[in-house]
Amino acid sequence: MRAEKASIVLDLSEKLKRSPFVLVTDYQRMKVADFSELRNRLVPRDKRQLSPGKKM
């Protein structure tokens, strides 16, 4: 598990270094439709998205 975690952290670190900005939001109380709209407005469909818990 430790090696896997280190790999994930390294991958995320590299992605963040290449990104011109980072947006952090608390979406716990957002409705699914609202979250989907936010995501679609921020990231074109052909771009990768960073999302906690989801490995791309």
C-alpha atoms as a PDB file:
ATOM      1  CA  MET A   1       0.000   0.000   0.000  1.00  0.00           C
ATOM      2  CA  ARG A   2       2.808   2.429   0.840  1.00  0.00           C
ATOM      3  CA  ALA A   3       4.373   2.095  -2.631  1.00  0.00           C
ATOM      4  CA  GLU A   4       0.981   2.616  -4.251  1.00  0.00           C
ATOM      5  CA  LYS A   5       0.375   5.720  -2.132  1.00  0.00           C
ATOM      6  CA  ALA A   6       3.796   7.120  -3.050  1.00  0.00           C
ATOM      7  CA  SER A   7       3.031   6.550  -6.732  1.00  0.00           C
ATOM      8  CA  ILE A   8      -0.321   8.335  -6.445  1.00  0.00           C
ATOM      9  CA  VAL A   9       1.252  11.279  -4.596  1.00  0.00           C
ATOM     10  CA  LEU A  10       4.017  11.561  -7.202  1.00  0.00           C
ATOM     11  CA  ASP A  11       1.492  11.447 -10.070  1.00  0.00           C
ATOM     12  CA  LEU A  12      -0.732  14.068  -8.440  1.00  0.00           C
ATOM     13  CA  SER A  13       2.273  16.263  -7.651  1.00  0.00           C
ATOM     14  CA  GLU A  14       3.366  16.235 -11.304  1.00  0.00           C
ATOM     15  CA  LYS A  15      -0.151  17.109 -12.496  1.00  0.00           C
ATOM     16  CA  LEU A  16      -0.365  20.002 -10.037  1.00  0.00           C
ATOM     17  CA  LYS A  17       3.024  21.356 -11.130  1.00  0.00           C
ATOM     18  CA  ARG A  18       1.797  21.517 -14.743  1.00  0.00           C
ATOM     19  CA  SER A  19      -1.513  23.150 -13.847  1.00  0.00           C
ATOM     20  CA  PRO A  20      -1.789  26.952 -14.053  1.00  0.00           C
ATOM     21  CA  PHE A  21      -4.201  26.921 -11.098  1.00  0.00           C
ATOM     22  CA  VAL A  22      -5.865  24.659  -8.555  1.00  0.00           C
ATOM     23  CA  LEU A  23      -9.468  24.920  -7.451  1.00  0.00           C
ATOM     24  CA  VAL A  24     -10.468  23.330  -4.163  1.00  0.00           C
ATOM     25  CA  THR A  25     -14.131  23.138  -3.323  1.00  0.00           C
ATOM     26  CA  ASP A  26     -16.307  21.529  -0.671  1.00  0.00           C
ATOM     27  CA  TYR A  27     -18.991  19.742  -2.637  1.00  0.00           C
ATOM     28  CA  GLN A  28     -20.501  17.627   0.142  1.00  0.00           C
ATOM     29  CA  ARG A  29     -23.815  19.479   0.094  1.00  0.00           C
ATOM     30  CA  MET A  30     -23.928  20.145  -3.627  1.00  0.00           C
ATOM     31  CA  LYS A  31     -26.589  18.437  -5.679  1.00  0.00           C
ATOM     32  CA  VAL A  32     -25.315  16.131  -8.398  1.00  0.00           C
ATOM     33  CA  ALA A  33     -26.689  18.402 -11.134  1.00  0.00           C
ATOM     34  CA  ASP A  34     -24.916  21.442  -9.643  1.00  0.00           C
ATOM     35  CA  PHE A  35     -21.616  19.573  -9.316  1.00  0.00           C
ATOM     36  CA  SER A  36     -21.887  18.308 -12.893  1.00  0.00           C
ATOM     37  CA  GLU A  37     -22.556  21.827 -14.161  1.00  0.00           C
ATOM     38  CA  LEU A  38     -19.561  23.211 -12.246  1.00  0.00           C
ATOM     39  CA  ARG A  39     -17.295  20.476 -13.587  1.00  0.00           C
ATOM     40  CA  ASN A  40     -18.507  20.981 -17.167  1.00  0.00           C
ATOM     41  CA  ARG A  41     -17.943  24.736 -16.983  1.00  0.00           C
ATOM     42  CA  LEU A  42     -14.436  24.402 -15.563  1.00  0.00           C
ATOM     43  CA  VAL A  43     -13.033  21.543 -17.623  1.00  0.00           C
ATOM     44  CA  PRO A  44     -13.713  20.877 -21.284  1.00  0.00           C
ATOM     45  CA  ARG A  45     -14.802  17.289 -21.914  1.00  0.00           C
ATOM     46  CA  ASP A  46     -11.513  16.366 -23.587  1.00  0.00           C
ATOM     47  CA  LYS A  47      -9.423  17.356 -20.532  1.00  0.00           C
ATOM     48  CA  ARG A  48      -8.583  15.085 -17.615  1.00  0.00           C
ATOM     49  CA  GLN A  49     -10.088  15.812 -14.241  1.00  0.00           C
ATOM     50  CA  LEU A  50      -8.554  15.308 -10.829  1.00  0.00           C
ATOM     51  CA  SER A  51     -11.061  13.992  -8.399  1.00  0.00           C
ATOM     52  CA  PRO A  52     -10.422  12.462  -4.994  1.00  0.00           C
ATOM     53  CA  GLY A  53     -11.054   8.759  -4.898  1.00  0.00           C
ATOM     54  CA  LYS A  54     -11.049   8.348  -8.672  1.00  0.00           C
ATOM     55  CA  LYS A  55      -8.004   7.024 -10.451  1.00  0.00           C
ATOM     56  CA  MET A  56      -7.641   7.955 -14.108  1.00  0.00           C
END
